[in-house]
Amino acid sequence: MDVITTALESVLGEAITIIFGLIFTGISTYGAFYIKRLTDKAKIKTLVDEVNRYTQWALQAKSFNLMSADEKKQVVLEKAQQFAIENGISISMEELSLMVERSVQSIEQLESAGLKMMKMKREMAKLDDDKGEG
C-alpha cells in the first residue's frame, strides 16, 4: 500500500510540475506577444508624430516655398522612411505614403477651417461697424 501511495504522490507531483510549466510557458508567451504589440503601437505613434512634424516643417519652411505640393510630400515621405529605418519600425511604403497623405490633408483642413473662421470674424466685425454707423 505504501508503494502505491508513494507512486501516486510521485505521479501527481510530476503532473503538477508539468501543469505549472505549461501555465508559465503560456503566460510568458502571451506576455511577450502583448509587450511586442505595445512596443509596435508605440513605434507607430512615434512615426505618426514625426510625419506630422515633418509635414508642418515642409509647409512652413521658406526653403520649401518654391516646391510643389507633390515635391513637399515626397520630401516628407523620404524623411519619414529614413526615420522608420533608423528606429527599426517595420512599415510598407504604401502605409507610410497614406500616413503622409493623411497628415497633409488634416493640416489643409485645419488651415481651411481657420480661414473660414477669420472670414466670419471679419464679416461680424463689419456688421458691428455698420450697425454702429447706422
Protein backbone atom coordinates (compact mmCIF):
# COMPACT_ATOMS: atom_id res chain seq x y z
CA MET A 1 0.00 0.00 0.00
CA ASP A 2 2.86 2.38 0.80
CA VAL A 3 4.37 1.67 -2.60
CA ILE A 4 1.12 2.64 -4.34
CA THR A 5 0.80 5.81 -2.28
CA THR A 6 4.42 6.78 -2.98
CA ALA A 7 3.98 6.09 -6.72
CA LEU A 8 0.74 8.08 -6.77
CA GLU A 9 2.38 11.02 -4.98
CA SER A 10 5.27 10.89 -7.44
CA VAL A 11 2.93 10.88 -10.47
CA LEU A 12 0.81 13.69 -9.03
CA GLY A 13 3.95 15.72 -8.26
CA GLU A 14 5.18 15.34 -11.83
CA ALA A 15 1.73 16.17 -13.24
CA ILE A 16 1.54 19.34 -11.14
CA THR A 17 5.06 20.31 -12.24
CA ILE A 18 4.10 19.80 -15.90
CA ILE A 19 0.86 21.76 -15.50
CA PHE A 20 2.65 24.68 -13.81
CA GLY A 21 5.31 24.57 -16.53
CA LEU A 22 2.65 24.78 -19.23
CA ILE A 23 0.86 27.61 -17.44
CA PHE A 24 4.13 29.53 -17.01
CA THR A 25 5.02 28.99 -20.67
CA GLY A 26 1.58 30.19 -21.78
CA ILE A 27 1.75 33.29 -19.61
CA SER A 28 5.28 34.05 -20.79
CA THR A 29 4.31 33.65 -24.45
CA TYR A 30 1.21 35.82 -24.05
CA GLY A 31 3.20 38.44 -22.12
CA ALA A 32 5.89 38.59 -24.79
CA PHE A 33 3.25 38.90 -27.53
CA TYR A 34 1.42 41.64 -25.61
CA ILE A 35 4.62 43.59 -24.92
CA LYS A 36 5.65 43.35 -28.59
CA ARG A 37 2.23 44.66 -29.63
CA LEU A 38 2.50 47.59 -27.24
CA THR A 39 6.02 48.34 -28.44
CA ASP A 40 4.91 48.23 -32.09
CA LYS A 41 1.99 50.58 -31.36
CA ALA A 42 4.32 53.00 -29.56
CA LYS A 43 6.72 52.96 -32.51
CA ILE A 44 3.91 53.66 -34.99
CA LYS A 45 2.64 56.50 -32.78
CA THR A 46 6.15 57.96 -32.76
CA LEU A 47 6.29 57.67 -36.54
CA VAL A 48 2.90 59.41 -36.93
CA ASP A 49 4.10 62.25 -34.68
CA GLU A 50 7.28 62.52 -36.72
CA VAL A 51 5.32 62.59 -40.01
CA ASN A 52 3.13 65.39 -38.62
CA ARG A 53 6.23 67.32 -37.56
CA TYR A 54 7.84 66.86 -41.00
CA THR A 55 4.61 67.95 -42.69
CA GLN A 56 4.46 71.15 -40.63
CA TRP A 57 8.10 71.78 -41.42
CA ALA A 58 7.57 71.26 -45.17
CA LEU A 59 4.59 73.60 -45.25
CA GLN A 60 6.19 76.37 -43.20
CA ALA A 61 9.90 76.38 -44.10
CA LYS A 62 10.96 79.09 -46.54
CA SER A 63 13.15 76.64 -48.44
CA PHE A 64 10.01 74.73 -49.45
CA ASN A 65 8.11 77.73 -50.86
CA LEU A 66 9.21 77.05 -54.42
CA MET A 67 8.32 73.33 -54.27
CA SER A 68 5.04 71.88 -55.49
CA ALA A 69 2.74 70.03 -53.10
CA ASP A 70 3.85 66.68 -54.56
CA GLU A 71 7.52 67.56 -54.08
CA LYS A 72 6.85 68.50 -50.46
CA LYS A 73 5.02 65.22 -49.88
CA GLN A 74 7.93 63.33 -51.42
CA VAL A 75 10.42 65.03 -49.09
CA VAL A 76 8.23 64.25 -46.08
CA LEU A 77 7.85 60.64 -47.26
CA GLU A 78 11.62 60.23 -47.66
CA LYS A 79 12.31 61.73 -44.22
CA ALA A 80 9.66 59.52 -42.62
CA GLN A 81 11.07 56.44 -44.33
CA GLN A 82 14.55 57.33 -43.08
CA PHE A 83 13.17 57.79 -39.55
CA ALA A 84 11.40 54.42 -39.70
CA ILE A 85 14.55 52.63 -40.83
CA GLU A 86 16.73 54.31 -38.20
CA ASN A 87 14.28 53.37 -35.45
CA GLY A 88 13.58 49.80 -36.56
CA ILE A 89 9.95 50.48 -37.47
CA SER A 90 8.62 47.99 -39.97
CA ILE A 91 6.14 49.67 -42.32
CA SER A 92 5.37 49.38 -46.02
CA MET A 93 5.78 52.31 -48.39
CA GLU A 94 2.03 52.24 -49.08
CA GLU A 95 1.23 52.62 -45.37
CA LEU A 96 3.82 55.34 -44.98
CA SER A 97 2.51 57.15 -48.05
CA LEU A 98 -1.04 57.05 -46.65
CA MET A 99 0.24 58.35 -43.33
CA VAL A 100 1.87 61.33 -45.07
CA GLU A 101 -1.25 61.97 -47.16
CA ARG A 102 -3.48 61.98 -44.05
CA SER A 103 -1.11 64.37 -42.31
CA VAL A 104 -1.13 66.81 -45.23
CA GLN A 105 -4.93 66.60 -45.55
CA SER A 106 -5.51 67.24 -41.85
CA ILE A 107 -3.29 70.33 -41.95
CA GLU A 108 -5.05 71.59 -45.09
CA GLN A 109 -8.44 71.05 -43.39
CA LEU A 110 -7.23 72.89 -40.31
CA GLU A 111 -5.98 75.80 -42.42
CA SER A 112 -9.28 75.88 -44.33
CA ALA A 113 -11.26 75.95 -41.09
CA GLY A 114 -9.03 78.74 -39.78
CA LEU A 115 -9.56 80.80 -42.92
CA LYS A 116 -13.33 80.34 -42.66
CA MET A 117 -13.27 81.49 -39.03
CA MET A 118 -11.21 84.56 -39.92
CA LYS A 119 -13.64 85.39 -42.72
CA MET A 120 -16.63 85.05 -40.37
CA LYS A 121 -14.96 87.28 -37.76
CA ARG A 122 -14.29 89.95 -40.37
CA GLU A 123 -17.90 89.79 -41.55
CA MET A 124 -19.16 90.03 -37.96
CA ALA A 125 -16.85 92.97 -37.29
CA LYS A 126 -18.08 94.68 -40.46
CA LEU A 127 -21.71 94.13 -39.41
CA ASP A 128 -20.95 95.60 -35.98
CA ASP A 129 -19.29 98.62 -37.63
CA ASP A 130 -22.28 99.08 -39.96
CA LYS A 131 -24.67 98.96 -37.00
CA GLY A 132 -22.57 101.50 -35.10
CA GLU A 133 -22.62 103.91 -38.04
CA GLY A 134 -26.34 103.50 -38.73
